[in-house]
Amino acid sequence: MMANVEFDPQLIKRYDKAGPRYTSYPTAVQFCDDYTADSYRKFAEKSNQSDKALSLYFHIPFCDTVCFYCGCNKVVTKDRSKAAPYLERVHKEIALQAKLFDPSRKVDQLHWGGGTPTFISHDEMRELMAVTRQHFNLHDDDSGEYSIEIDPREVSRESIKLLRELGFNRMSLGVQDFNPAVQKAVNRIQSREETLAAMTAAREENFKSISVDLIYGLPLQTVESFDQTLDELIEISPDRVSVFNYAHLPERFKPQRRINESELPSAAVKLEIFKHCMDKLTAAGYVYIGMDHFAKPDDELTIAQKNGELYRNFQGYATHADCDLVGIGITSIGTIANSFAQNARTMDEYNALIDQGELAIFRGVEIDDDDLIRREAIMQLICHFKLDFAKVGERFKIDFKVYFATELERYATMVEDGLIVLDKQGIEVTSRGRLLIRNICMVFDRYIKPDEETQRFSKLI
């Protein structure tokens, strides 16, 4: 089980700069349009020479109402019929993508994200899974990690029963906050009863893991109000909890302009909310996995971390490090061989490419040997809070301390501040450093210069 996390407000304040969340390395900021559909085909061919399983991600962008805090790529509409033409094109993309990959490769992971995947009808859910199964090699038993994001306001007991029948065995529920005043301020009115009904149905249908998402830093939130939300959360006892920091960027995300900035908690209050959340969840038995993730001791994430098998990708922390990820739908990102690829971000662009019989790839990046080494170092730190120089050096045939001599010198201040222990064997992140793991990882990021202002990313806490 992970060691305790030491919460030092002054230290956190000093290190609280913007930086990547490292769901990929290189990050999406490095994606460029030199990477084309032809590039993707080349890497898919390389991918088939491996024995890796596949992971599929489907982006279903539709939402019935807009949540003011949201920064996702979405289509807000109450017209359910608008999903049909999009799904028709997704079916075509499934066929286009499947032609590139060896049909014998099993799909170990599958995820529907959004938007609101449960926006679509039951028949559309059935057809989407049937088309996927027609073109890709899905598991027939329950051994795959097949997950879906759920809006409890959008599902019935029948919906959850259907999802289980279709093969889903994990779900993530958006809650954000149970407080009615906070919900009204962000336009997400969702009763505790709706959330509990969805969770109860999922448990009755034997879903293997249920995760709940919270957000701190929303308007009208206080330590006391969030404490009540945590009490209700702990009572319903999900397997995992994600507690995300709200990044107020109204210049980038139009819905956020409808949030009253004067009602946002101060940076100091946000920090107190997060500290209280950390204390309360760990006292309730949850293990701090890292970043903003907590899990029960017997959850797959906790076990994977304990066994050194935890991984991080575009869905956050994951248990399968050995999959190539195929992204399907608008704005989806895939990881194929040593490359990242992203689909068109607007509906019109996506539709036009698919209608021409083309892949929807519009940008990406090829990962070079140096990226691979740095990605491994970052992955070890962000997933396991330690880095073994010899293991990475042996894997990539380098003398780690010589290769990263400059980077290791830059750790001097963090060593003095007690964030890490650095010796000849490697780096160990201390209890003081765990909340600042993104800072620690950024030292290995060649695309971020020391002391650079990185406003393209969210603040670390």
Protein backbone atom coordinates (compact mmCIF):
# COMPACT_ATOMS: atom_id res chain seq x y z
CA MET A 1 0.00 0.00 0.00
CA MET A 2 1.22 3.49 -0.82
CA ALA A 3 2.94 5.53 1.87
CA ASN A 4 1.27 8.56 3.39
CA VAL A 5 1.27 11.84 1.48
CA GLU A 6 2.67 14.85 3.29
CA PHE A 7 0.75 18.05 2.60
CA ASP A 8 2.92 21.18 2.86
CA PRO A 9 0.90 24.25 1.74
CA GLN A 10 3.93 26.54 1.44
CA LEU A 11 5.86 24.01 -0.61
CA ILE A 12 2.87 23.34 -2.85
CA LYS A 13 2.33 27.06 -3.37
CA ARG A 14 5.95 27.50 -4.41
CA TYR A 15 5.82 24.68 -6.93
CA ASP A 16 2.28 25.34 -8.20
CA LYS A 17 2.99 26.12 -11.84
CA ALA A 18 1.24 24.90 -14.96
CA GLY A 19 2.38 21.63 -16.47
CA PRO A 20 1.34 18.51 -18.40
CA ARG A 21 -0.74 15.72 -16.89
CA TYR A 22 1.37 13.23 -18.88
CA THR A 23 -1.42 11.13 -20.28
CA SER A 24 1.05 10.96 -23.16
CA TYR A 25 4.66 11.82 -23.85
CA PRO A 26 5.27 13.73 -26.02
CA THR A 27 2.10 15.61 -25.04
CA ALA A 28 -0.57 16.70 -27.53
CA VAL A 29 1.09 20.13 -27.74
CA GLN A 30 3.76 18.46 -29.90
CA PHE A 31 1.28 16.97 -32.38
CA CYS A 32 1.68 18.40 -35.89
CA ASP A 33 0.04 18.07 -39.29
CA ASP A 34 3.17 16.53 -40.82
CA TYR A 35 1.76 13.32 -39.39
CA THR A 36 -0.90 12.16 -41.87
CA ALA A 37 -3.15 9.20 -42.56
CA ASP A 38 -0.27 7.69 -44.54
CA SER A 39 1.94 8.00 -41.47
CA TYR A 40 -0.73 6.23 -39.46
CA ARG A 41 -0.92 3.35 -41.96
CA LYS A 42 2.85 2.94 -41.76
CA PHE A 43 2.76 2.68 -37.98
CA ALA A 44 -0.24 0.34 -38.05
CA GLU A 45 1.80 -2.00 -40.24
CA LYS A 46 4.66 -1.86 -37.72
CA SER A 47 2.18 -2.45 -34.94
CA ASN A 48 1.05 -5.71 -36.53
CA GLN A 49 4.59 -7.05 -36.22
CA SER A 50 4.23 -7.00 -32.44
CA ASP A 51 2.23 -9.32 -30.22
CA LYS A 52 0.42 -6.44 -28.50
CA ALA A 53 -3.29 -6.58 -27.85
CA LEU A 54 -5.51 -3.69 -28.90
CA SER A 55 -7.39 -1.03 -26.98
CA LEU A 56 -10.34 0.80 -28.59
CA TYR A 57 -11.58 4.25 -27.61
CA PHE A 58 -14.86 5.64 -28.98
CA HIS A 59 -15.74 9.31 -28.60
CA ILE A 60 -19.48 9.93 -28.42
CA PRO A 61 -19.70 13.72 -28.16
CA PHE A 62 -23.40 14.36 -27.52
CA CYS A 63 -24.81 15.91 -24.34
CA ASP A 64 -28.40 16.78 -23.48
CA THR A 65 -27.35 19.86 -21.48
CA VAL A 66 -24.11 21.77 -21.08
CA CYS A 67 -22.18 21.67 -17.80
CA PHE A 68 -20.59 25.08 -17.45
CA TYR A 69 -17.23 23.73 -16.21
CA CYS A 70 -16.76 21.34 -19.13
CA GLY A 71 -13.77 21.58 -21.46
CA CYS A 72 -14.50 18.42 -23.47
CA ASN A 73 -15.20 18.24 -27.19
CA LYS A 74 -18.98 17.93 -27.26
CA VAL A 75 -22.20 18.60 -29.15
CA VAL A 76 -24.97 19.93 -26.91
CA THR A 77 -28.45 19.09 -28.21
CA LYS A 78 -31.77 17.74 -27.06
CA ASP A 79 -32.39 16.26 -30.51
CA ARG A 80 -31.50 12.58 -30.07
CA SER A 81 -31.81 11.97 -33.82
CA LYS A 82 -28.54 13.88 -34.39
CA ALA A 83 -26.58 10.90 -33.11
CA ALA A 84 -27.65 8.63 -35.98
CA PRO A 85 -25.65 10.23 -38.85
CA TYR A 86 -22.58 10.48 -36.62
CA LEU A 87 -22.80 6.83 -35.61
CA GLU A 88 -23.18 5.80 -39.26
CA ARG A 89 -19.82 7.40 -39.93
CA VAL A 90 -18.31 5.84 -36.82
CA HIS A 91 -19.37 2.46 -38.21
CA LYS A 92 -17.55 3.31 -41.44
CA GLU A 93 -14.46 4.37 -39.51
CA ILE A 94 -14.51 1.12 -37.57
CA ALA A 95 -14.32 -0.77 -40.87
CA LEU A 96 -11.55 1.50 -42.19
CA GLN A 97 -9.50 1.11 -39.03
CA ALA A 98 -10.03 -2.64 -38.75
CA LYS A 99 -8.52 -3.20 -42.21
CA LEU A 100 -5.20 -1.91 -40.88
CA PHE A 101 -4.85 -4.37 -38.01
CA ASP A 102 -4.30 -8.10 -37.83
CA PRO A 103 -7.75 -9.61 -37.09
CA SER A 104 -6.24 -12.08 -34.65
CA ARG A 105 -5.26 -9.31 -32.22
CA LYS A 106 -7.53 -9.37 -29.18
CA VAL A 107 -9.15 -6.22 -27.87
CA ASP A 108 -8.18 -6.26 -24.19
CA GLN A 109 -9.52 -2.76 -23.50
CA LEU A 110 -12.53 -0.87 -24.83
CA HIS A 111 -13.86 2.48 -23.67
CA TRP A 112 -16.81 4.69 -24.65
CA GLY A 113 -16.20 8.31 -23.63
CA GLY A 114 -17.74 11.65 -24.32
CA GLY A 115 -19.72 13.77 -24.14
CA THR A 116 -22.31 11.41 -22.81
CA PRO A 117 -22.11 7.90 -24.30
CA THR A 118 -25.49 7.02 -22.82
CA PHE A 119 -27.05 9.82 -24.90
CA ILE A 120 -27.55 7.30 -27.71
CA SER A 121 -30.51 4.90 -27.77
CA HIS A 122 -30.45 1.26 -26.72
CA ASP A 123 -30.69 0.15 -30.34
CA GLU A 124 -27.80 2.41 -31.28
CA MET A 125 -25.74 0.96 -28.43
CA ARG A 126 -26.46 -2.56 -29.64
CA GLU A 127 -25.57 -1.70 -33.23
CA LEU A 128 -22.33 0.08 -32.30
CA MET A 129 -21.12 -2.89 -30.29
CA ALA A 130 -22.26 -5.34 -32.98
CA VAL A 131 -20.35 -3.45 -35.68
CA THR A 132 -17.29 -3.29 -33.43
CA ARG A 133 -17.48 -7.02 -32.80
CA GLN A 134 -17.91 -7.67 -36.53
CA HIS A 135 -14.62 -5.93 -37.37
CA PHE A 136 -12.48 -6.37 -34.26
CA ASN A 137 -11.63 -9.41 -32.15
CA LEU A 138 -13.47 -8.71 -28.90
CA HIS A 139 -13.44 -11.10 -25.96
CA ASP A 140 -16.45 -13.40 -25.72
CA ASP A 141 -16.00 -13.84 -21.98
CA ASP A 142 -15.64 -11.20 -19.25
CA SER A 143 -11.84 -11.01 -19.31
CA GLY A 144 -11.58 -7.74 -21.24
CA GLU A 145 -11.48 -4.35 -19.53
CA TYR A 146 -14.53 -2.76 -21.18
CA SER A 147 -15.61 0.53 -19.65
CA ILE A 148 -18.05 3.35 -20.24
CA GLU A 149 -18.61 6.85 -18.88
CA ILE A 150 -22.05 7.24 -17.34
CA ASP A 151 -24.20 10.28 -16.63
CA PRO A 152 -26.54 9.01 -13.88
CA ARG A 153 -29.23 11.38 -15.17
CA GLU A 154 -29.16 9.59 -18.52
CA VAL A 155 -29.49 5.93 -17.51
CA SER A 156 -32.17 3.59 -16.24
CA ARG A 157 -31.84 0.15 -14.68
CA GLU A 158 -32.66 -1.26 -18.12
CA SER A 159 -29.81 0.78 -19.67
CA ILE A 160 -27.27 -0.60 -17.22
CA LYS A 161 -28.55 -4.15 -17.70
CA LEU A 162 -28.13 -3.69 -21.47
CA LEU A 163 -24.60 -2.31 -21.11
CA ARG A 164 -23.62 -5.36 -19.06
CA GLU A 165 -25.12 -7.65 -21.70
CA LEU A 166 -23.13 -5.83 -24.38
CA GLY A 167 -19.91 -6.66 -22.53
CA PHE A 168 -19.18 -3.60 -20.39
CA ASN A 169 -17.86 -4.53 -16.97
CA ARG A 170 -16.55 -1.21 -15.63
CA MET A 171 -18.11 2.22 -15.43
CA SER A 172 -17.26 5.77 -14.46
CA LEU A 173 -19.98 8.07 -13.10
CA GLY A 174 -19.78 11.84 -13.26
CA VAL A 175 -20.92 13.48 -10.01
CA GLN A 176 -18.62 16.50 -9.46
CA ASP A 177 -20.46 17.69 -6.31
CA PHE A 178 -23.61 16.67 -4.43
CA ASN A 179 -24.30 20.20 -3.12
CA PRO A 180 -27.47 21.64 -4.79
CA ALA A 181 -26.14 25.24 -4.84
CA VAL A 182 -22.90 24.16 -6.52
CA GLN A 183 -24.84 22.00 -9.00
CA LYS A 184 -27.04 24.95 -9.92
CA ALA A 185 -24.02 27.23 -10.36
CA VAL A 186 -22.49 24.84 -12.94
CA ASN A 187 -25.80 23.73 -14.52
CA ARG A 188 -25.54 20.09 -13.52
CA ILE A 189 -28.53 19.22 -11.39
CA GLN A 190 -28.11 15.64 -10.26
CA SER A 191 -29.63 14.15 -7.15
CA ARG A 192 -27.84 11.73 -4.86
CA GLU A 193 -30.71 9.31 -5.51
CA GLU A 194 -29.98 9.27 -9.25
CA THR A 195 -26.33 8.51 -8.60
CA LEU A 196 -27.10 5.82 -6.04
CA ALA A 197 -29.67 4.20 -8.35
CA ALA A 198 -27.09 3.91 -11.14
CA MET A 199 -24.49 2.46 -8.77
CA THR A 200 -26.95 0.02 -7.23
CA ALA A 201 -28.01 -1.23 -10.66
CA ALA A 202 -24.35 -1.62 -11.70
CA ARG A 203 -23.59 -3.66 -8.61
CA GLU A 204 -26.63 -5.85 -9.14
CA GLU A 205 -25.41 -6.47 -12.71
CA ASN A 206 -21.96 -7.41 -11.35
CA PHE A 207 -19.90 -4.60 -12.85
CA LYS A 208 -16.32 -5.25 -11.73
CA SER A 209 -15.39 -1.66 -10.94
CA ILE A 210 -17.32 1.55 -10.37
CA SER A 211 -15.56 4.91 -10.35
CA VAL A 212 -16.94 8.32 -9.36
CA ASP A 213 -15.57 11.66 -10.59
CA LEU A 214 -15.53 14.76 -8.38
CA ILE A 215 -14.26 18.27 -9.14
CA TYR A 216 -12.87 20.73 -6.62
CA GLY A 217 -12.59 24.47 -7.29
CA LEU A 218 -16.16 24.93 -8.56
CA PRO A 219 -18.21 28.03 -7.64
CA LEU A 220 -19.63 28.19 -4.10
CA GLN A 221 -17.55 25.26 -2.90
CA THR A 222 -16.12 25.44 0.62
CA VAL A 223 -14.28 22.94 2.77
CA GLU A 224 -17.50 22.41 4.75
CA SER A 225 -19.72 21.92 1.68
CA PHE A 226 -17.27 19.52 0.04
CA ASP A 227 -16.99 17.61 3.30
CA GLN A 228 -20.70 16.80 2.98
CA THR A 229 -20.16 15.60 -0.59
CA LEU A 230 -17.33 13.36 0.63
CA ASP A 231 -19.54 11.95 3.38
CA GLU A 232 -22.17 10.99 0.82
CA LEU A 233 -19.54 9.59 -1.52
CA ILE A 234 -17.93 7.43 1.16
CA GLU A 235 -21.36 6.13 2.13
CA ILE A 236 -22.08 4.88 -1.40
CA SER A 237 -18.52 3.46 -1.50
CA PRO A 238 -17.33 3.42 -5.14
CA ASP A 239 -14.26 1.32 -5.99
CA ARG A 240 -12.38 4.33 -7.32
CA VAL A 241 -12.59 8.09 -6.88
CA SER A 242 -11.11 10.75 -9.14
CA VAL A 243 -10.90 14.27 -7.72
CA PHE A 244 -10.08 16.73 -10.49
CA ASN A 245 -8.88 20.30 -10.14
CA TYR A 246 -11.21 22.71 -11.97
CA ALA A 247 -9.17 24.85 -14.37
CA HIS A 248 -11.06 28.07 -15.14
CA LEU A 249 -10.10 28.93 -18.73
CA PRO A 250 -13.08 30.84 -20.17
CA GLU A 251 -10.98 32.18 -23.03
CA ARG A 252 -10.59 28.58 -24.27
CA PHE A 253 -13.88 26.99 -23.21
CA LYS A 254 -17.01 29.03 -23.95
CA PRO A 255 -19.34 27.29 -21.43
CA GLN A 256 -17.06 28.46 -18.62
CA ARG A 257 -17.95 32.07 -19.44
CA ARG A 258 -21.32 31.38 -17.81
CA ILE A 259 -19.65 30.73 -14.46
CA ASN A 260 -19.66 33.63 -12.01
CA GLU A 261 -15.96 34.13 -11.32
CA SER A 262 -16.69 35.95 -8.07
CA GLU A 263 -18.16 32.71 -6.70
CA LEU A 264 -15.03 30.63 -7.38
CA PRO A 265 -13.09 29.60 -4.27
CA SER A 266 -9.68 31.21 -3.80
CA ALA A 267 -6.49 29.30 -4.45
CA ALA A 268 -6.03 28.90 -0.69
CA VAL A 269 -9.52 27.47 -0.25
CA LYS A 270 -9.02 25.10 -3.18
CA LEU A 271 -5.88 23.83 -1.53
CA GLU A 272 -7.72 23.29 1.75
CA ILE A 273 -10.51 21.43 -0.06
CA PHE A 274 -8.02 19.12 -1.72
CA LYS A 275 -6.13 18.53 1.53
CA HIS A 276 -9.38 17.68 3.31
CA CYS A 277 -10.32 15.37 0.45
CA MET A 278 -6.95 13.62 0.67
CA ASP A 279 -7.25 13.19 4.44
CA LYS A 280 -10.84 12.00 4.37
CA LEU A 281 -10.52 9.50 1.53
CA THR A 282 -7.36 7.93 2.92
CA ALA A 283 -8.94 7.73 6.38
CA ALA A 284 -11.88 5.93 4.75
CA GLY A 285 -9.48 3.30 3.40
CA TYR A 286 -8.80 4.57 -0.11
CA VAL A 287 -5.25 4.40 -1.46
CA TYR A 288 -3.76 7.47 -3.14
CA ILE A 289 -2.71 6.17 -6.55
CA GLY A 290 -1.31 9.47 -7.79
CA MET A 291 -2.32 12.76 -9.38
CA ASP A 292 -6.06 12.88 -8.62
CA HIS A 293 -6.87 9.16 -8.35
CA PHE A 294 -7.83 7.10 -5.31
CA ALA A 295 -8.81 3.43 -5.18
CA LYS A 296 -9.71 0.78 -2.66
CA PRO A 297 -6.90 -1.55 -1.58
CA ASP A 298 -8.34 -4.49 -3.54
CA ASP A 299 -9.01 -2.50 -6.72
CA GLU A 300 -7.15 -3.36 -9.93
CA LEU A 301 -5.37 0.03 -9.98
CA THR A 302 -3.97 -0.47 -6.49
CA ILE A 303 -2.89 -4.02 -7.27
CA ALA A 304 -1.31 -2.95 -10.58
CA GLN A 305 0.65 -0.22 -8.83
CA LYS A 306 1.79 -2.63 -6.11
CA ASN A 307 2.95 -5.09 -8.79
CA GLY A 308 4.73 -2.43 -10.85
CA GLU A 309 2.26 -2.82 -13.73
CA LEU A 310 0.41 0.51 -13.60
CA TYR A 311 0.32 2.59 -16.76
CA ARG A 312 -0.98 6.00 -17.78
CA ASN A 313 -2.78 6.88 -21.02
CA PHE A 314 -5.41 9.28 -22.34
CA GLN A 315 -8.06 7.85 -20.01
CA GLY A 316 -5.80 8.35 -16.96
CA TYR A 317 -4.26 5.50 -14.96
CA ALA A 318 -4.75 2.06 -16.49
CA THR A 319 -3.75 -1.54 -15.86
CA HIS A 320 -2.78 -2.54 -19.42
CA ALA A 321 0.56 -1.12 -20.55
CA ASP A 322 0.93 -3.46 -23.49
CA CYS A 323 -1.89 -2.33 -25.81
CA ASP A 324 -1.91 -0.26 -28.97
CA LEU A 325 -4.78 2.22 -28.70
CA VAL A 326 -7.08 2.86 -31.67
CA GLY A 327 -9.03 6.12 -31.36
CA ILE A 328 -12.39 6.28 -33.15
CA GLY A 329 -14.69 9.29 -33.55
CA ILE A 330 -14.06 13.03 -33.55
CA THR A 331 -11.00 14.28 -31.62
CA SER A 332 -10.04 10.73 -30.52
CA ILE A 333 -6.34 10.05 -29.97
CA GLY A 334 -4.65 6.74 -30.70
CA THR A 335 -1.26 5.31 -29.77
CA ILE A 336 -0.02 3.06 -32.56
CA ALA A 337 3.49 1.59 -32.44
CA ASN A 338 5.79 4.55 -31.72
CA SER A 339 3.36 7.29 -32.65
CA PHE A 340 0.34 9.27 -31.50
CA ALA A 341 -2.47 10.14 -33.90
CA GLN A 342 -5.50 12.37 -33.49
CA ASN A 343 -8.76 12.50 -35.44
CA ALA A 344 -10.38 15.65 -36.80
CA ARG A 345 -11.82 17.80 -34.03
CA THR A 346 -14.96 19.18 -35.70
CA MET A 347 -17.99 17.28 -36.91
CA ASP A 348 -17.82 18.79 -40.40
CA GLU A 349 -14.15 17.85 -40.87
CA TYR A 350 -14.70 14.37 -39.52
CA ASN A 351 -17.77 13.76 -41.68
CA ALA A 352 -16.04 14.99 -44.83
CA LEU A 353 -13.06 12.67 -44.41
CA ILE A 354 -15.13 9.59 -43.56
CA ASP A 355 -17.56 10.30 -46.44
CA GLN A 356 -14.55 10.29 -48.79
CA GLY A 357 -13.57 6.87 -47.49
CA GLU A 358 -10.52 8.33 -45.74
CA LEU A 359 -9.19 7.90 -42.23
CA ALA A 360 -10.05 10.91 -40.06
CA ILE A 361 -6.42 11.48 -38.96
CA PHE A 362 -5.46 15.15 -39.05
CA ARG A 363 -2.33 15.35 -36.90
CA GLY A 364 0.00 13.36 -34.70
CA VAL A 365 3.63 12.82 -33.81
CA GLU A 366 6.27 10.17 -34.40
CA ILE A 367 8.03 9.14 -31.19
CA ASP A 368 11.80 9.02 -31.56
CA ASP A 369 14.27 7.02 -29.47
CA ASP A 370 14.90 9.90 -27.07
CA ASP A 371 11.14 10.33 -26.54
CA LEU A 372 10.84 6.64 -25.70
CA ILE A 373 13.54 6.85 -23.04
CA ARG A 374 12.07 10.00 -21.52
CA ARG A 375 8.57 8.55 -21.65
CA GLU A 376 9.73 5.50 -19.72
CA ALA A 377 11.36 7.67 -17.04
CA ILE A 378 8.22 9.83 -16.72
CA MET A 379 5.94 6.77 -16.67
CA GLN A 380 7.90 5.09 -13.89
CA LEU A 381 7.77 8.23 -11.76
CA ILE A 382 4.14 9.14 -12.30
CA CYS A 383 2.87 5.58 -11.85
CA HIS A 384 5.20 4.17 -9.20
CA PHE A 385 6.91 7.18 -7.56
CA LYS A 386 10.33 5.70 -8.22
CA LEU A 387 12.82 5.30 -11.04
CA ASP A 388 15.51 2.64 -11.31
CA PHE A 389 18.38 3.95 -13.45
CA ALA A 390 19.82 0.50 -14.17
CA LYS A 391 16.53 -0.96 -15.42
CA VAL A 392 15.88 1.90 -17.83
CA GLY A 393 19.53 1.92 -18.89
CA GLU A 394 19.50 -1.82 -19.58
CA ARG A 395 16.26 -1.61 -21.55
CA PHE A 396 17.46 1.21 -23.82
CA LYS A 397 21.20 0.38 -23.81
CA ILE A 398 22.27 3.68 -22.26
CA ASP A 399 24.22 4.84 -19.24
CA PHE A 400 21.30 6.60 -17.58
CA LYS A 401 23.39 8.92 -15.38
CA VAL A 402 25.50 10.05 -18.35
CA TYR A 403 22.53 10.38 -20.72
CA PHE A 404 20.57 12.50 -18.24
CA ALA A 405 23.47 14.25 -16.49
CA THR A 406 21.96 17.71 -17.07
CA GLU A 407 18.50 16.66 -15.89
CA LEU A 408 19.84 15.02 -12.74
CA GLU A 409 21.70 18.22 -11.84
CA ARG A 410 18.42 20.12 -12.12
CA TYR A 411 16.97 17.99 -9.33
CA ALA A 412 19.22 19.67 -6.72
CA THR A 413 16.52 22.04 -5.43
CA MET A 414 13.94 19.24 -5.23
CA VAL A 415 16.41 17.16 -3.23
CA GLU A 416 16.97 20.08 -0.85
CA ASP A 417 13.20 20.56 -0.51
CA GLY A 418 12.75 16.89 0.34
CA LEU A 419 10.61 16.04 -2.70
CA ILE A 420 12.87 13.20 -3.82
CA VAL A 421 15.75 11.04 -2.69
CA LEU A 422 18.36 10.89 -5.45
CA ASP A 423 21.24 8.44 -5.28
CA LYS A 424 23.37 6.36 -7.64
CA GLN A 425 20.63 3.76 -8.05
CA GLY A 426 17.70 5.99 -8.88
CA ILE A 427 15.02 8.40 -7.70
CA GLU A 428 12.52 7.78 -4.92
CA VAL A 429 9.66 10.25 -4.54
CA THR A 430 9.06 11.08 -0.89
CA SER A 431 5.74 11.62 0.86
CA ARG A 432 6.37 15.38 0.43
CA GLY A 433 6.84 14.98 -3.31
CA ARG A 434 3.90 12.83 -4.28
CA LEU A 435 1.48 15.72 -4.74
CA LEU A 436 4.10 17.44 -6.89
CA ILE A 437 4.82 14.48 -9.14
CA ARG A 438 4.10 16.50 -12.28
CA ASN A 439 6.91 18.93 -11.36
CA ILE A 440 9.24 16.01 -10.82
CA CYS A 441 8.34 14.48 -14.18
CA MET A 442 8.75 17.79 -16.03
CA VAL A 443 12.52 17.67 -15.46
CA PHE A 444 12.69 14.86 -18.04
CA ASP A 445 10.46 16.69 -20.55
CA ARG A 446 12.74 18.01 -23.29
CA TYR A 447 9.94 20.16 -24.72
CA ILE A 448 9.69 22.28 -21.56
CA LYS A 449 12.64 24.49 -20.76
CA PRO A 450 13.60 25.19 -17.14
CA ASP A 451 11.53 28.04 -15.64
CA GLU A 452 9.39 28.21 -18.80
CA GLU A 453 5.85 29.51 -18.29
CA THR A 454 3.63 26.69 -19.59
CA GLN A 455 0.22 28.31 -19.83
CA ARG A 456 -0.88 25.70 -22.37
CA PHE A 457 -1.39 23.34 -19.42
CA SER A 458 -3.42 23.33 -16.23
CA LYS A 459 -2.00 24.27 -12.82
CA LEU A 460 -0.49 21.38 -10.93
CA ILE A 461 -2.77 21.64 -7.87
